[in-house]
Amino acid sequence: MEQAEAILSVEGVDGCMIGPGDLALTSNWNLQSEDDKKKHRDAILHVKSVAESCGKLPGIATGVEGAEEYLKDGFLFVLCMSDGWLLSSESPEIYESLSKFRVKAKS
């Protein structure tokens, strides 16, 4: 977070992906605290602003429930589920819906 401008100014870096959970953990913020929640949000918006000022794409990883807010904030790409969540909660339905496309191996 403190090095956002230096990182985002590097030639060849096209954008950033903010990990809100990682940010809270590494900053030792308790997101049950209103003060820490504000610091967290301010830090996220700071990195987004730095990305934009450097002409880079701001992105964020969040849950489905946070995606709309971040899109309204102007993030250009939002990762709204993890592969772990997807596999644990949705995989049976996805497998079922895609199984009709399964290619049979030739003998």
Protein backbone atom coordinates (compact mmCIF):
# COMPACT_ATOMS: atom_id res chain seq x y z
CA MET A 1 0.00 0.00 0.00
CA GLU A 2 2.79 2.41 0.92
CA GLN A 3 4.66 1.51 -2.29
CA ALA A 4 1.62 1.66 -4.59
CA GLU A 5 2.94 4.55 -6.66
CA ALA A 6 6.40 3.02 -7.07
CA ILE A 7 4.92 -0.33 -8.09
CA LEU A 8 2.27 1.06 -10.40
CA SER A 9 4.78 3.36 -12.11
CA VAL A 10 6.81 0.39 -13.37
CA GLU A 11 6.81 0.05 -17.16
CA GLY A 12 4.92 -3.10 -18.14
CA VAL A 13 2.68 -3.17 -15.06
CA ASP A 14 -0.83 -2.73 -16.44
CA GLY A 15 -2.84 -2.64 -13.23
CA CYS A 16 -3.23 -3.95 -9.73
CA MET A 17 -5.36 -6.45 -7.87
CA ILE A 18 -6.12 -5.37 -4.33
CA GLY A 19 -6.75 -8.16 -1.85
CA PRO A 20 -8.87 -6.58 0.90
CA GLY A 21 -8.50 -9.55 3.24
CA ASP A 22 -4.73 -9.63 2.81
CA LEU A 23 -4.59 -5.87 3.29
CA ALA A 24 -6.52 -6.07 6.56
CA LEU A 25 -4.34 -8.92 7.84
CA THR A 26 -1.00 -7.34 6.94
CA SER A 27 -2.13 -3.99 8.36
CA ASN A 28 -3.36 -5.70 11.53
CA TRP A 29 -6.81 -4.12 11.18
CA ASN A 30 -9.83 -5.55 12.94
CA LEU A 31 -12.70 -5.06 10.51
CA GLN A 32 -15.20 -5.29 13.36
CA SER A 33 -13.87 -1.90 14.50
CA GLU A 34 -15.44 1.12 12.76
CA ASP A 35 -12.11 2.98 12.93
CA ASP A 36 -10.22 0.11 11.30
CA LYS A 37 -13.00 -0.34 8.72
CA LYS A 38 -12.54 3.30 7.71
CA LYS A 39 -8.76 2.92 7.50
CA HIS A 40 -9.25 -0.20 5.38
CA ARG A 41 -11.65 1.48 2.96
CA ASP A 42 -9.46 4.59 2.73
CA ALA A 43 -6.42 2.42 1.93
CA ILE A 44 -8.30 0.54 -0.80
CA LEU A 45 -9.51 3.77 -2.39
CA HIS A 46 -6.00 5.22 -2.10
CA VAL A 47 -4.49 2.35 -4.10
CA LYS A 48 -7.30 2.65 -6.66
CA SER A 49 -6.60 6.37 -7.00
CA VAL A 50 -2.86 5.76 -7.42
CA ALA A 51 -3.57 3.16 -10.11
CA GLU A 52 -5.76 5.61 -11.99
CA SER A 53 -3.24 8.45 -11.68
CA CYS A 54 -0.57 6.13 -13.14
CA GLY A 55 -2.88 5.19 -16.01
CA LYS A 56 -3.25 1.62 -14.73
CA LEU A 57 -6.30 -0.58 -14.25
CA PRO A 58 -7.61 -0.85 -10.67
CA GLY A 59 -8.88 -4.27 -9.68
CA ILE A 60 -10.00 -5.90 -6.47
CA ALA A 61 -10.73 -9.38 -5.14
CA THR A 62 -13.88 -9.54 -3.06
CA GLY A 63 -16.85 -11.71 -2.29
CA VAL A 64 -20.03 -11.68 -4.30
CA GLU A 65 -21.62 -9.44 -1.67
CA GLY A 66 -18.94 -6.74 -2.06
CA ALA A 67 -18.69 -6.75 -5.85
CA GLU A 68 -21.45 -4.21 -6.53
CA GLU A 69 -19.99 -1.65 -4.13
CA TYR A 70 -16.53 -1.89 -5.70
CA LEU A 71 -17.96 -1.63 -9.21
CA LYS A 72 -19.82 1.52 -8.12
CA ASP A 73 -16.50 2.81 -6.73
CA GLY A 74 -15.08 2.54 -10.24
CA PHE A 75 -12.95 -0.59 -10.06
CA LEU A 76 -12.54 -1.86 -13.61
CA PHE A 77 -12.29 -5.54 -12.77
CA VAL A 78 -13.68 -7.31 -9.76
CA LEU A 79 -12.90 -10.88 -8.81
CA CYS A 80 -15.98 -11.90 -6.84
CA MET A 81 -15.28 -15.52 -5.94
CA SER A 82 -12.31 -17.72 -5.21
CA ASP A 83 -11.66 -21.07 -6.78
CA GLY A 84 -11.94 -22.65 -3.32
CA TRP A 85 -15.39 -21.16 -2.77
CA LEU A 86 -16.48 -22.14 -6.25
CA LEU A 87 -15.32 -25.74 -5.85
CA SER A 88 -16.84 -26.16 -2.42
CA SER A 89 -20.20 -24.55 -3.08
CA GLU A 90 -21.04 -24.63 -6.76
CA SER A 91 -19.09 -27.47 -8.34
CA PRO A 92 -21.90 -30.07 -8.43
CA GLU A 93 -24.22 -27.69 -10.27
CA ILE A 94 -21.49 -26.55 -12.66
CA TYR A 95 -20.46 -30.14 -13.40
CA GLU A 96 -24.07 -31.12 -14.05
CA SER A 97 -24.73 -28.18 -16.37
CA LEU A 98 -21.54 -28.77 -18.38
CA SER A 99 -21.54 -32.57 -18.42
CA LYS A 100 -23.60 -32.65 -21.62
CA PHE A 101 -20.57 -31.18 -23.41
CA ARG A 102 -18.26 -33.95 -22.23
CA VAL A 103 -16.24 -35.40 -25.09
CA LYS A 104 -16.18 -39.16 -25.29
CA ALA A 105 -12.74 -40.66 -25.88
CA LYS A 106 -12.34 -42.66 -29.07
CA SER A 107 -11.38 -46.31 -28.59
